[in-house]
């Protein structure tokens, strides 16, 4: 595992490199533990002024968790063991959110799922024109976790609800406009940015010479419709507003949502409603509740099968339609699990 995540101190900065490019730097349980351990060490090390995390390979910062290993664990009958991964991952997300030193994520390429959890909660999220952000979990029968309960409802103009339900991809301009990124730079300047971060005393000031103004993406170009539709009081109302918009963007978005796991979409919608009024650690406890319940369902593993294992891109959701989802059973996803809440 040691070469899959690298740690070094250069000047004032503690550098973390997610070094599994052949798997788009996907997170494993061992990498989560190693990162948590080094963050604890560096928090107490006066020679480390700030942390910088990046991904190797040029294609991805981090494309998420290692969901194939989750699928294999289910086949082996080790579902309960998976809770340990989510417990440690969510604890790490909370650690990053409350980190006492600047935490700088250099996002070049894909940042999805678990990769969002180790970047978006930091003080600085610096993205290049290759940035591709998404929370695609409803498409694999899961839900937008790793702190999505907190940061998605706080995006402007209901953009986070759109991201949660549709799993849409945001490029640099939309990511900056919604707050996923705090700074935009050119990919060609990343090496210089890293060098400056080695000695910077004021990170924001040090970044100024490298900042660029990216073009708006589809989300910002359609922000009026997104706010109107995704402020709806139910998934059904959101879909109705998208249908009635009679725009290419609205109709395509509605179609995309209808292809996701109905259970996951309804969970994500309820998650967004609750999350906007919760503190961060409360959001993480809520996510642990949902994850604990989903691990004993069928859609998550069917979604992984269709997207990652068999790659037929044709998941068979259970149930297959929003109207068939038992709303009483849906409420059980938000209840404390039998072994207790996430200990934050």
C-alpha atoms as a PDB file:
ATOM      1  CA  UNK A   1       0.000   0.000   0.000  1.00  0.00           C
ATOM      2  CA  UNK A   2       2.887   2.350   0.779  1.00  0.00           C
ATOM      3  CA  UNK A   3       3.381   3.420  -2.827  1.00  0.00           C
ATOM      4  CA  UNK A   4      -0.344   4.060  -3.412  1.00  0.00           C
ATOM      5  CA  UNK A   5      -0.304   7.158  -1.221  1.00  0.00           C
ATOM      6  CA  UNK A   6       2.850   9.200  -0.745  1.00  0.00           C
ATOM      7  CA  UNK A   7       3.763  11.704   1.956  1.00  0.00           C
ATOM      8  CA  UNK A   8       6.609  14.197   2.025  1.00  0.00           C
ATOM      9  CA  UNK A   9       7.398  17.555   3.610  1.00  0.00           C
ATOM     10  CA  UNK A  10       8.808  20.194   1.261  1.00  0.00           C
ATOM     11  CA  UNK A  11       9.532  23.543   2.842  1.00  0.00           C
ATOM     12  CA  UNK A  12       6.492  24.567   4.865  1.00  0.00           C
ATOM     13  CA  UNK A  13       4.096  22.151   3.177  1.00  0.00           C
ATOM     14  CA  UNK A  14       3.133  18.580   3.835  1.00  0.00           C
ATOM     15  CA  UNK A  15       2.442  17.033   0.416  1.00  0.00           C
ATOM     16  CA  UNK A  16       0.080  14.093  -0.084  1.00  0.00           C
ATOM     17  CA  UNK A  17       0.028  12.299  -3.448  1.00  0.00           C
ATOM     18  CA  UNK A  18      -2.770   9.868  -4.248  1.00  0.00           C
ATOM     19  CA  UNK A  19      -0.667   7.502  -6.307  1.00  0.00           C
ATOM     20  CA  UNK A  20      -2.900   4.900  -7.900  1.00  0.00           C
ATOM     21  CA  UNK A  21      -3.331   6.368 -11.404  1.00  0.00           C
ATOM     22  CA  UNK A  22      -4.261   3.052 -13.041  1.00  0.00           C
ATOM     23  CA  UNK A  23      -7.414   3.113 -10.860  1.00  0.00           C
ATOM     24  CA  UNK A  24      -7.892   6.894 -11.197  1.00  0.00           C
ATOM     25  CA  UNK A  25      -6.484   7.232  -7.659  1.00  0.00           C
ATOM     26  CA  UNK A  26      -9.498   5.496  -6.097  1.00  0.00           C
ATOM     27  CA  UNK A  27      -9.549   5.443  -2.309  1.00  0.00           C
ATOM     28  CA  UNK A  28      -9.016   2.227  -0.402  1.00  0.00           C
ATOM     29  CA  UNK A  29      -9.529   1.665   3.309  1.00  0.00           C
ATOM     30  CA  UNK A  30      -5.757   1.555   3.820  1.00  0.00           C
ATOM     31  CA  UNK A  31      -5.307   4.908   2.076  1.00  0.00           C
ATOM     32  CA  UNK A  32      -8.036   6.474   4.208  1.00  0.00           C
ATOM     33  CA  UNK A  33      -6.286   5.298   7.364  1.00  0.00           C
ATOM     34  CA  UNK A  34      -2.857   6.428   6.162  1.00  0.00           C
ATOM     35  CA  UNK A  35      -4.122   9.904   5.285  1.00  0.00           C
ATOM     36  CA  UNK A  36      -5.879  10.258   8.633  1.00  0.00           C
ATOM     37  CA  UNK A  37      -2.699   9.205  10.448  1.00  0.00           C
ATOM     38  CA  UNK A  38      -0.497  11.721   8.634  1.00  0.00           C
ATOM     39  CA  UNK A  39      -2.989  14.553   9.088  1.00  0.00           C
ATOM     40  CA  UNK A  40      -2.905  13.908  12.829  1.00  0.00           C
ATOM     41  CA  UNK A  41       0.894  13.986  12.828  1.00  0.00           C
ATOM     42  CA  UNK A  42       1.148  17.148  10.753  1.00  0.00           C
ATOM     43  CA  UNK A  43      -1.474  18.959  12.821  1.00  0.00           C
ATOM     44  CA  UNK A  44       0.939  18.777  15.763  1.00  0.00           C
ATOM     45  CA  UNK A  45       4.089  19.448  13.739  1.00  0.00           C
ATOM     46  CA  UNK A  46       5.062  23.145  13.903  1.00  0.00           C
ATOM     47  CA  UNK A  47       7.303  22.777  10.836  1.00  0.00           C
ATOM     48  CA  UNK A  48       4.262  21.980   8.641  1.00  0.00           C
ATOM     49  CA  UNK A  49       2.280  25.151   7.947  1.00  0.00           C
ATOM     50  CA  UNK A  50      -0.254  23.650   5.554  1.00  0.00           C
ATOM     51  CA  UNK A  51      -1.183  20.450   3.719  1.00  0.00           C
ATOM     52  CA  UNK A  52      -1.318  20.020  -0.069  1.00  0.00           C
ATOM     53  CA  UNK A  53      -3.088  17.005  -1.590  1.00  0.00           C
ATOM     54  CA  UNK A  54      -2.935  16.047  -5.261  1.00  0.00           C
ATOM     55  CA  UNK A  55      -3.483  13.081  -7.579  1.00  0.00           C
ATOM     56  CA  UNK A  56      -0.901  11.337  -9.754  1.00  0.00           C
ATOM     57  CA  UNK A  57      -1.201  10.499 -13.428  1.00  0.00           C
ATOM     58  CA  UNK A  58      -2.825  13.584 -14.945  1.00  0.00           C
ATOM     59  CA  UNK A  59      -6.273  12.034 -15.485  1.00  0.00           C
ATOM     60  CA  UNK A  60      -7.814  12.204 -12.042  1.00  0.00           C
ATOM     61  CA  UNK A  61      -7.428  13.798  -8.662  1.00  0.00           C
ATOM     62  CA  UNK A  62      -9.494  10.924  -7.258  1.00  0.00           C
ATOM     63  CA  UNK A  63     -12.438   9.225  -8.948  1.00  0.00           C
ATOM     64  CA  UNK A  64     -13.964   7.971  -5.697  1.00  0.00           C
ATOM     65  CA  UNK A  65     -13.879   4.931  -3.464  1.00  0.00           C
ATOM     66  CA  UNK A  66     -12.838   1.479  -4.580  1.00  0.00           C
ATOM     67  CA  UNK A  67     -16.382   0.262  -5.239  1.00  0.00           C
ATOM     68  CA  UNK A  68     -15.274  -2.973  -6.926  1.00  0.00           C
ATOM     69  CA  UNK A  69     -13.841  -4.115  -3.592  1.00  0.00           C
ATOM     70  CA  UNK A  70     -17.201  -3.277  -1.986  1.00  0.00           C
ATOM     71  CA  UNK A  71     -18.970  -5.478  -4.542  1.00  0.00           C
ATOM     72  CA  UNK A  72     -16.528  -8.338  -3.917  1.00  0.00           C
ATOM     73  CA  UNK A  73     -17.005  -8.042  -0.155  1.00  0.00           C
ATOM     74  CA  UNK A  74     -20.750  -8.396  -0.607  1.00  0.00           C
ATOM     75  CA  UNK A  75     -20.278 -11.538  -2.732  1.00  0.00           C
ATOM     76  CA  UNK A  76     -18.095 -12.958   0.028  1.00  0.00           C
ATOM     77  CA  UNK A  77     -20.769 -12.266   2.646  1.00  0.00           C
ATOM     78  CA  UNK A  78     -18.723  -9.599   4.405  1.00  0.00           C
ATOM     79  CA  UNK A  79     -21.210  -6.718   4.206  1.00  0.00           C
ATOM     80  CA  UNK A  80     -20.884  -5.851   7.880  1.00  0.00           C
ATOM     81  CA  UNK A  81     -17.124  -5.407   7.436  1.00  0.00           C
ATOM     82  CA  UNK A  82     -17.806  -2.612   4.951  1.00  0.00           C
ATOM     83  CA  UNK A  83     -19.205  -0.390   7.668  1.00  0.00           C
ATOM     84  CA  UNK A  84     -15.673   0.012   8.987  1.00  0.00           C
ATOM     85  CA  UNK A  85     -14.593   1.609   5.713  1.00  0.00           C
ATOM     86  CA  UNK A  86     -17.442   4.126   5.747  1.00  0.00           C
ATOM     87  CA  UNK A  87     -16.919   4.847   9.442  1.00  0.00           C
ATOM     88  CA  UNK A  88     -13.243   5.662   8.897  1.00  0.00           C
ATOM     89  CA  UNK A  89     -13.893   7.573   5.651  1.00  0.00           C
ATOM     90  CA  UNK A  90     -16.572   9.791   7.197  1.00  0.00           C
ATOM     91  CA  UNK A  91     -14.409  10.401  10.257  1.00  0.00           C
ATOM     92  CA  UNK A  92     -11.611  11.500   7.903  1.00  0.00           C
ATOM     93  CA  UNK A  93     -13.998  13.869   6.097  1.00  0.00           C
ATOM     94  CA  UNK A  94     -14.883  15.463   9.448  1.00  0.00           C
ATOM     95  CA  UNK A  95     -11.183  15.687  10.331  1.00  0.00           C
ATOM     96  CA  UNK A  96     -10.458  17.584   7.095  1.00  0.00           C
ATOM     97  CA  UNK A  97     -13.401  19.937   7.650  1.00  0.00           C
ATOM     98  CA  UNK A  98     -12.108  20.849  11.121  1.00  0.00           C
ATOM     99  CA  UNK A  99      -8.397  20.767  10.260  1.00  0.00           C
ATOM    100  CA  UNK A 100      -6.470  23.445  12.176  1.00  0.00           C
ATOM    101  CA  UNK A 101      -4.167  24.297   9.263  1.00  0.00           C
ATOM    102  CA  UNK A 102      -4.859  25.276   5.641  1.00  0.00           C
ATOM    103  CA  UNK A 103      -5.703  22.220   3.570  1.00  0.00           C
ATOM    104  CA  UNK A 104      -5.079  22.728  -0.134  1.00  0.00           C
ATOM    105  CA  UNK A 105      -6.445  20.375  -2.802  1.00  0.00           C
ATOM    106  CA  UNK A 106      -4.919  20.602  -6.291  1.00  0.00           C
ATOM    107  CA  UNK A 107      -7.699  19.219  -8.478  1.00  0.00           C
ATOM    108  CA  UNK A 108      -6.567  18.301 -11.965  1.00  0.00           C
ATOM    109  CA  UNK A 109      -8.929  15.909 -13.737  1.00  0.00           C
ATOM    110  CA  UNK A 110     -11.726  13.789 -12.307  1.00  0.00           C
ATOM    111  CA  UNK A 111     -12.923  14.394  -8.759  1.00  0.00           C
ATOM    112  CA  UNK A 112     -15.891  12.258  -7.801  1.00  0.00           C
ATOM    113  CA  UNK A 113     -17.363  10.538  -4.774  1.00  0.00           C
ATOM    114  CA  UNK A 114     -14.686   9.805  -2.199  1.00  0.00           C
ATOM    115  CA  UNK A 115     -12.306  12.167  -3.984  1.00  0.00           C
ATOM    116  CA  UNK A 116     -14.718  14.990  -3.236  1.00  0.00           C
ATOM    117  CA  UNK A 117     -14.601  14.011   0.429  1.00  0.00           C
ATOM    118  CA  UNK A 118     -10.834  14.510   0.645  1.00  0.00           C
ATOM    119  CA  UNK A 119     -10.858  17.826  -1.227  1.00  0.00           C
ATOM    120  CA  UNK A 120     -14.007  19.930  -0.985  1.00  0.00           C
ATOM    121  CA  UNK A 121     -13.939  20.258   2.815  1.00  0.00           C
ATOM    122  CA  UNK A 122     -10.482  21.809   2.789  1.00  0.00           C
ATOM    123  CA  UNK A 123      -9.817  25.535   2.985  1.00  0.00           C
ATOM    124  CA  UNK A 124      -8.535  25.788  -0.617  1.00  0.00           C
ATOM    125  CA  UNK A 125      -9.756  23.861  -3.681  1.00  0.00           C
ATOM    126  CA  UNK A 126      -7.681  24.796  -6.716  1.00  0.00           C
ATOM    127  CA  UNK A 127      -8.960  23.397 -10.020  1.00  0.00           C
ATOM    128  CA  UNK A 128      -7.620  23.374 -13.572  1.00  0.00           C
ATOM    129  CA  UNK A 129      -9.472  23.388 -16.885  1.00  0.00           C
ATOM    130  CA  UNK A 130      -9.352  19.569 -16.671  1.00  0.00           C
ATOM    131  CA  UNK A 131     -11.450  19.548 -13.505  1.00  0.00           C
ATOM    132  CA  UNK A 132     -14.469  17.271 -13.776  1.00  0.00           C
ATOM    133  CA  UNK A 133     -16.579  17.199 -10.602  1.00  0.00           C
ATOM    134  CA  UNK A 134     -19.488  14.878  -9.994  1.00  0.00           C
ATOM    135  CA  UNK A 135     -21.408  13.120  -7.262  1.00  0.00           C
ATOM    136  CA  UNK A 136     -22.730  10.247  -9.424  1.00  0.00           C
ATOM    137  CA  UNK A 137     -23.918   7.995  -6.614  1.00  0.00           C
ATOM    138  CA  UNK A 138     -27.637   7.852  -7.484  1.00  0.00           C
ATOM    139  CA  UNK A 139     -26.557   6.140 -10.709  1.00  0.00           C
ATOM    140  CA  UNK A 140     -25.078   3.208  -8.761  1.00  0.00           C
ATOM    141  CA  UNK A 141     -27.844   2.860  -6.188  1.00  0.00           C
ATOM    142  CA  UNK A 142     -26.009   4.824  -3.490  1.00  0.00           C
ATOM    143  CA  UNK A 143     -26.320   8.458  -2.326  1.00  0.00           C
ATOM    144  CA  UNK A 144     -24.068  11.556  -2.418  1.00  0.00           C
ATOM    145  CA  UNK A 145     -22.102  10.962   0.764  1.00  0.00           C
ATOM    146  CA  UNK A 146     -18.626  12.053   2.041  1.00  0.00           C
ATOM    147  CA  UNK A 147     -20.133  15.306   3.320  1.00  0.00           C
ATOM    148  CA  UNK A 148     -22.529  15.901   0.439  1.00  0.00           C
ATOM    149  CA  UNK A 149     -25.293  16.271   3.014  1.00  0.00           C
ATOM    150  CA  UNK A 150     -23.560  19.450   4.149  1.00  0.00           C
ATOM    151  CA  UNK A 151     -21.997  21.114   1.108  1.00  0.00           C
ATOM    152  CA  UNK A 152     -24.556  20.307  -1.600  1.00  0.00           C
ATOM    153  CA  UNK A 153     -27.556  22.046   0.056  1.00  0.00           C
ATOM    154  CA  UNK A 154     -25.324  25.080   0.601  1.00  0.00           C
ATOM    155  CA  UNK A 155     -24.555  25.542  -3.088  1.00  0.00           C
ATOM    156  CA  UNK A 156     -26.290  28.629  -4.518  1.00  0.00           C
ATOM    157  CA  UNK A 157     -29.639  28.521  -6.317  1.00  0.00           C
ATOM    158  CA  UNK A 158     -30.454  24.848  -5.641  1.00  0.00           C
ATOM    159  CA  UNK A 159     -27.438  23.769  -7.706  1.00  0.00           C
ATOM    160  CA  UNK A 160     -26.507  21.182  -5.092  1.00  0.00           C
ATOM    161  CA  UNK A 161     -29.890  19.476  -5.268  1.00  0.00           C
ATOM    162  CA  UNK A 162     -29.397  19.274  -9.043  1.00  0.00           C
ATOM    163  CA  UNK A 163     -25.959  17.708  -8.544  1.00  0.00           C
ATOM    164  CA  UNK A 164     -27.260  15.260  -5.952  1.00  0.00           C
ATOM    165  CA  UNK A 165     -30.209  13.953  -7.962  1.00  0.00           C
ATOM    166  CA  UNK A 166     -28.836  14.052 -11.505  1.00  0.00           C
ATOM    167  CA  UNK A 167     -25.191  13.262 -10.750  1.00  0.00           C
ATOM    168  CA  UNK A 168     -24.234  15.757 -13.426  1.00  0.00           C
ATOM    169  CA  UNK A 169     -20.634  16.654 -14.201  1.00  0.00           C
ATOM    170  CA  UNK A 170     -19.310  20.157 -13.576  1.00  0.00           C
ATOM    171  CA  UNK A 171     -16.257  21.513 -15.350  1.00  0.00           C
ATOM    172  CA  UNK A 172     -14.018  24.293 -14.072  1.00  0.00           C
ATOM    173  CA  UNK A 173     -16.388  27.246 -14.602  1.00  0.00           C
ATOM    174  CA  UNK A 174     -19.418  25.617 -12.993  1.00  0.00           C
ATOM    175  CA  UNK A 175     -17.311  24.148 -10.198  1.00  0.00           C
ATOM    176  CA  UNK A 176     -15.923  27.598  -9.372  1.00  0.00           C
ATOM    177  CA  UNK A 177     -19.331  29.267  -9.622  1.00  0.00           C
ATOM    178  CA  UNK A 178     -20.965  26.799  -7.242  1.00  0.00           C
ATOM    179  CA  UNK A 179     -18.174  26.847  -4.656  1.00  0.00           C
ATOM    180  CA  UNK A 180     -16.740  23.400  -5.322  1.00  0.00           C
ATOM    181  CA  UNK A 181     -13.547  25.249  -6.265  1.00  0.00           C
ATOM    182  CA  UNK A 182     -12.214  28.301  -4.472  1.00  0.00           C
ATOM    183  CA  UNK A 183      -9.609  29.090  -7.145  1.00  0.00           C
ATOM    184  CA  UNK A 184      -9.185  28.377 -10.881  1.00  0.00           C
ATOM    185  CA  UNK A 185      -5.768  28.016 -12.510  1.00  0.00           C
ATOM    186  CA  UNK A 186      -4.370  26.680 -15.774  1.00  0.00           C
ATOM    187  CA  UNK A 187      -3.054  23.129 -15.810  1.00  0.00           C
ATOM    188  CA  UNK A 188       0.196  24.414 -17.277  1.00  0.00           C
ATOM    189  CA  UNK A 189       0.879  26.411 -14.107  1.00  0.00           C
ATOM    190  CA  UNK A 190       0.424  23.562 -11.608  1.00  0.00           C
ATOM    191  CA  UNK A 191       4.139  22.877 -11.179  1.00  0.00           C
ATOM    192  CA  UNK A 192       4.728  26.554 -10.379  1.00  0.00           C
ATOM    193  CA  UNK A 193       1.774  26.584  -7.985  1.00  0.00           C
ATOM    194  CA  UNK A 194       3.215  23.603  -6.124  1.00  0.00           C
ATOM    195  CA  UNK A 195       6.605  25.298  -5.883  1.00  0.00           C
ATOM    196  CA  UNK A 196       5.064  28.486  -4.509  1.00  0.00           C
ATOM    197  CA  UNK A 197       3.094  26.498  -1.929  1.00  0.00           C
ATOM    198  CA  UNK A 198       6.342  25.098  -0.529  1.00  0.00           C
ATOM    199  CA  UNK A 199       7.258  28.509   0.892  1.00  0.00           C
ATOM    200  CA  UNK A 200       3.980  30.475   0.987  1.00  0.00           C
ATOM    201  CA  UNK A 201       2.996  32.226   4.181  1.00  0.00           C
ATOM    202  CA  UNK A 202      -0.223  33.617   2.698  1.00  0.00           C
ATOM    203  CA  UNK A 203      -1.724  31.045   0.333  1.00  0.00           C
ATOM    204  CA  UNK A 204      -4.359  33.317  -1.187  1.00  0.00           C
ATOM    205  CA  UNK A 205      -1.782  36.000  -1.937  1.00  0.00           C
ATOM    206  CA  UNK A 206       0.623  33.436  -3.393  1.00  0.00           C
ATOM    207  CA  UNK A 207      -2.058  32.127  -5.758  1.00  0.00           C
ATOM    208  CA  UNK A 208      -3.041  35.491  -7.241  1.00  0.00           C
ATOM    209  CA  UNK A 209      -0.541  35.494 -10.163  1.00  0.00           C
ATOM    210  CA  UNK A 210      -1.910  32.140 -11.355  1.00  0.00           C
ATOM    211  CA  UNK A 211      -5.652  32.763 -11.251  1.00  0.00           C
ATOM    212  CA  UNK A 212      -7.779  32.546 -14.406  1.00  0.00           C
ATOM    213  CA  UNK A 213     -11.424  33.332 -15.157  1.00  0.00           C
ATOM    214  CA  UNK A 214     -13.049  30.241 -16.696  1.00  0.00           C
ATOM    215  CA  UNK A 215     -16.048  30.242 -19.002  1.00  0.00           C
ATOM    216  CA  UNK A 216     -19.512  29.465 -17.680  1.00  0.00           C
ATOM    217  CA  UNK A 217     -20.658  25.891 -18.094  1.00  0.00           C
ATOM    218  CA  UNK A 218     -24.146  24.414 -18.691  1.00  0.00           C
ATOM    219  CA  UNK A 219     -25.169  24.726 -15.051  1.00  0.00           C
ATOM    220  CA  UNK A 220     -24.508  28.455 -14.780  1.00  0.00           C
ATOM    221  CA  UNK A 221     -25.998  29.028 -18.232  1.00  0.00           C
ATOM    222  CA  UNK A 222     -29.211  27.383 -17.000  1.00  0.00           C
ATOM    223  CA  UNK A 223     -29.117  28.600 -13.395  1.00  0.00           C
ATOM    224  CA  UNK A 224     -32.579  30.202 -13.553  1.00  0.00           C
ATOM    225  CA  UNK A 225     -34.192  26.923 -14.597  1.00  0.00           C
ATOM    226  CA  UNK A 226     -32.121  24.932 -12.106  1.00  0.00           C
ATOM    227  CA  UNK A 227     -33.206  27.174  -9.232  1.00  0.00           C
ATOM    228  CA  UNK A 228     -36.852  27.102 -10.323  1.00  0.00           C
ATOM    229  CA  UNK A 229     -37.003  23.330 -10.838  1.00  0.00           C
ATOM    230  CA  UNK A 230     -34.837  22.073  -7.993  1.00  0.00           C
ATOM    231  CA  UNK A 231     -36.478  24.251  -5.350  1.00  0.00           C
ATOM    232  CA  UNK A 232     -39.483  21.937  -5.783  1.00  0.00           C
ATOM    233  CA  UNK A 233     -40.946  20.326  -2.664  1.00  0.00           C
ATOM    234  CA  UNK A 234     -40.670  16.764  -3.965  1.00  0.00           C
ATOM    235  CA  UNK A 235     -38.879  14.745  -6.626  1.00  0.00           C
ATOM    236  CA  UNK A 236     -42.127  14.498  -8.539  1.00  0.00           C
ATOM    237  CA  UNK A 237     -42.525  18.284  -8.511  1.00  0.00           C
ATOM    238  CA  UNK A 238     -38.938  18.739  -9.693  1.00  0.00           C
ATOM    239  CA  UNK A 239     -39.484  16.353 -12.598  1.00  0.00           C
ATOM    240  CA  UNK A 240     -42.749  18.063 -13.513  1.00  0.00           C
ATOM    241  CA  UNK A 241     -41.058  21.482 -13.598  1.00  0.00           C
ATOM    242  CA  UNK A 242     -38.233  20.117 -15.764  1.00  0.00           C
ATOM    243  CA  UNK A 243     -40.754  18.544 -18.150  1.00  0.00           C
ATOM    244  CA  UNK A 244     -42.777  21.734 -18.399  1.00  0.00           C
ATOM    245  CA  UNK A 245     -39.664  23.806 -19.124  1.00  0.00           C
ATOM    246  CA  UNK A 246     -39.663  22.352 -22.645  1.00  0.00           C
ATOM    247  CA  UNK A 247     -35.952  23.132 -22.908  1.00  0.00           C
ATOM    248  CA  UNK A 248     -33.271  20.721 -24.070  1.00  0.00           C
ATOM    249  CA  UNK A 249     -31.434  21.090 -20.757  1.00  0.00           C
ATOM    250  CA  UNK A 250     -34.573  20.530 -18.659  1.00  0.00           C
ATOM    251  CA  UNK A 251     -35.832  17.535 -20.635  1.00  0.00           C
ATOM    252  CA  UNK A 252     -32.402  15.889 -20.682  1.00  0.00           C
ATOM    253  CA  UNK A 253     -31.991  16.395 -16.933  1.00  0.00           C
ATOM    254  CA  UNK A 254     -35.413  14.876 -16.235  1.00  0.00           C
ATOM    255  CA  UNK A 255     -34.534  11.862 -18.374  1.00  0.00           C
ATOM    256  CA  UNK A 256     -31.251  11.400 -16.538  1.00  0.00           C
ATOM    257  CA  UNK A 257     -32.931  11.472 -13.121  1.00  0.00           C
ATOM    258  CA  UNK A 258     -35.536   8.917 -14.209  1.00  0.00           C
ATOM    259  CA  UNK A 259     -32.709   6.523 -15.148  1.00  0.00           C
ATOM    260  CA  UNK A 260     -31.213   6.606 -11.639  1.00  0.00           C
ATOM    261  CA  UNK A 261     -32.159   4.332  -8.769  1.00  0.00           C
ATOM    262  CA  UNK A 262     -35.607   5.594  -7.629  1.00  0.00           C
ATOM    263  CA  UNK A 263     -34.777   4.731  -4.022  1.00  0.00           C
ATOM    264  CA  UNK A 264     -31.445   6.560  -4.195  1.00  0.00           C
ATOM    265  CA  UNK A 265     -32.981   9.665  -5.782  1.00  0.00           C
ATOM    266  CA  UNK A 266     -35.633   9.860  -3.055  1.00  0.00           C
ATOM    267  CA  UNK A 267     -33.014   9.323  -0.349  1.00  0.00           C
ATOM    268  CA  UNK A 268     -30.829  12.054  -1.860  1.00  0.00           C
ATOM    269  CA  UNK A 269     -33.730  14.502  -2.003  1.00  0.00           C
ATOM    270  CA  UNK A 270     -34.617  13.920   1.662  1.00  0.00           C
ATOM    271  CA  UNK A 271     -30.924  14.121   2.525  1.00  0.00           C
ATOM    272  CA  UNK A 272     -30.715  17.592   0.927  1.00  0.00           C
ATOM    273  CA  UNK A 273     -33.751  18.825   2.867  1.00  0.00           C
ATOM    274  CA  UNK A 274     -32.337  17.671   6.193  1.00  0.00           C
ATOM    275  CA  UNK A 275     -28.731  18.634   5.546  1.00  0.00           C
ATOM    276  CA  UNK A 276     -29.347  22.334   5.029  1.00  0.00           C
ATOM    277  CA  UNK A 277     -30.214  22.720   8.722  1.00  0.00           C
ATOM    278  CA  UNK A 278     -27.525  20.465  10.223  1.00  0.00           C
ATOM    279  CA  UNK A 279     -23.986  21.094  11.438  1.00  0.00           C
ATOM    280  CA  UNK A 280     -21.240  19.201   9.603  1.00  0.00           C
ATOM    281  CA  UNK A 281     -20.753  16.403  12.126  1.00  0.00           C
ATOM    282  CA  UNK A 282     -24.512  15.880  12.271  1.00  0.00           C
ATOM    283  CA  UNK A 283     -24.476  15.488   8.492  1.00  0.00           C
ATOM    284  CA  UNK A 284     -21.779  12.837   8.727  1.00  0.00           C
ATOM    285  CA  UNK A 285     -23.767  10.915  11.333  1.00  0.00           C
ATOM    286  CA  UNK A 286     -26.783  11.029   9.031  1.00  0.00           C
ATOM    287  CA  UNK A 287     -24.706   9.683   6.155  1.00  0.00           C
ATOM    288  CA  UNK A 288     -23.447   6.810   8.283  1.00  0.00           C
ATOM    289  CA  UNK A 289     -27.055   5.915   9.039  1.00  0.00           C
ATOM    290  CA  UNK A 290     -27.967   5.893   5.355  1.00  0.00           C
ATOM    291  CA  UNK A 291     -24.866   3.929   4.310  1.00  0.00           C
ATOM    292  CA  UNK A 292     -25.445   1.336   7.031  1.00  0.00           C
ATOM    293  CA  UNK A 293     -28.959   0.733   5.718  1.00  0.00           C
ATOM    294  CA  UNK A 294     -28.039   0.758   2.014  1.00  0.00           C
ATOM    295  CA  UNK A 295     -25.455  -1.985   2.564  1.00  0.00           C
ATOM    296  CA  UNK A 296     -28.345  -4.325   3.363  1.00  0.00           C
ATOM    297  CA  UNK A 297     -30.294  -3.412   0.216  1.00  0.00           C
ATOM    298  CA  UNK A 298     -29.915  -4.501  -3.397  1.00  0.00           C
ATOM    299  CA  UNK A 299     -29.642  -1.374  -5.570  1.00  0.00           C
ATOM    300  CA  UNK A 300     -26.089  -0.430  -4.539  1.00  0.00           C
ATOM    301  CA  UNK A 301     -24.629  -3.776  -5.539  1.00  0.00           C
ATOM    302  CA  UNK A 302     -26.758  -3.943  -8.688  1.00  0.00           C
ATOM    303  CA  UNK A 303     -25.494  -0.484  -9.642  1.00  0.00           C
ATOM    304  CA  UNK A 304     -21.860  -1.501  -9.177  1.00  0.00           C
ATOM    305  CA  UNK A 305     -22.495  -4.666 -11.192  1.00  0.00           C
ATOM    306  CA  UNK A 306     -23.970  -2.729 -14.115  1.00  0.00           C
ATOM    307  CA  UNK A 307     -21.395   0.074 -14.171  1.00  0.00           C
ATOM    308  CA  UNK A 308     -18.135  -1.516 -12.985  1.00  0.00           C
ATOM    309  CA  UNK A 309     -18.363  -5.325 -13.110  1.00  0.00           C
ATOM    310  CA  UNK A 310     -20.402  -6.342 -16.158  1.00  0.00           C
ATOM    311  CA  UNK A 311     -20.356  -2.818 -17.610  1.00  0.00           C
ATOM    312  CA  UNK A 312     -23.668  -3.298 -19.399  1.00  0.00           C
ATOM    313  CA  UNK A 313     -24.869   0.093 -18.093  1.00  0.00           C
ATOM    314  CA  UNK A 314     -28.339  -1.421 -17.583  1.00  0.00           C
ATOM    315  CA  UNK A 315     -29.055  -1.715 -13.874  1.00  0.00           C
ATOM    316  CA  UNK A 316     -32.322  -3.335 -12.798  1.00  0.00           C
ATOM    317  CA  UNK A 317     -33.524  -1.205  -9.908  1.00  0.00           C
ATOM    318  CA  UNK A 318     -35.712  -2.588  -7.112  1.00  0.00           C
ATOM    319  CA  UNK A 319     -38.242  -1.037  -7.142  1.00  0.00           C
ATOM    320  CA  UNK A 320     -38.017   0.311 -10.674  1.00  0.00           C
ATOM    321  CA  UNK A 321     -40.272   3.377 -10.320  1.00  0.00           C
ATOM    322  CA  UNK A 322     -40.628   6.247  -7.849  1.00  0.00           C
ATOM    323  CA  UNK A 323     -44.268   5.455  -7.176  1.00  0.00           C
ATOM    324  CA  UNK A 324     -43.347   1.930  -6.061  1.00  0.00           C
ATOM    325  CA  UNK A 325     -40.941   3.074  -3.339  1.00  0.00           C
ATOM    326  CA  UNK A 326     -42.376   2.417   0.127  1.00  0.00           C
ATOM    327  CA  UNK A 327     -42.142   5.789   1.881  1.00  0.00           C
ATOM    328  CA  UNK A 328     -42.306   4.133   5.324  1.00  0.00           C
ATOM    329  CA  UNK A 329     -39.339   1.965   4.410  1.00  0.00           C
ATOM    330  CA  UNK A 330     -37.584   5.055   3.046  1.00  0.00           C
ATOM    331  CA  UNK A 331     -37.748   6.628   6.510  1.00  0.00           C
ATOM    332  CA  UNK A 332     -35.755   3.686   7.901  1.00  0.00           C
ATOM    333  CA  UNK A 333     -32.642   4.896   6.050  1.00  0.00           C
ATOM    334  CA  UNK A 334     -32.470   7.870   8.417  1.00  0.00           C
ATOM    335  CA  UNK A 335     -32.795   5.924  11.673  1.00  0.00           C
ATOM    336  CA  UNK A 336     -29.931   5.116  14.032  1.00  0.00           C
ATOM    337  CA  UNK A 337     -28.362   1.747  13.147  1.00  0.00           C
ATOM    338  CA  UNK A 338     -28.477  -1.104  15.640  1.00  0.00           C
ATOM    339  CA  UNK A 339     -24.770  -0.715  16.465  1.00  0.00           C
ATOM    340  CA  UNK A 340     -25.076   3.029  17.075  1.00  0.00           C
ATOM    341  CA  UNK A 341     -24.278   6.296  15.316  1.00  0.00           C
ATOM    342  CA  UNK A 342     -20.963   7.427  13.902  1.00  0.00           C
ATOM    343  CA  UNK A 343     -18.863   8.318  16.965  1.00  0.00           C
ATOM    344  CA  UNK A 344     -17.997  11.964  16.249  1.00  0.00           C
END
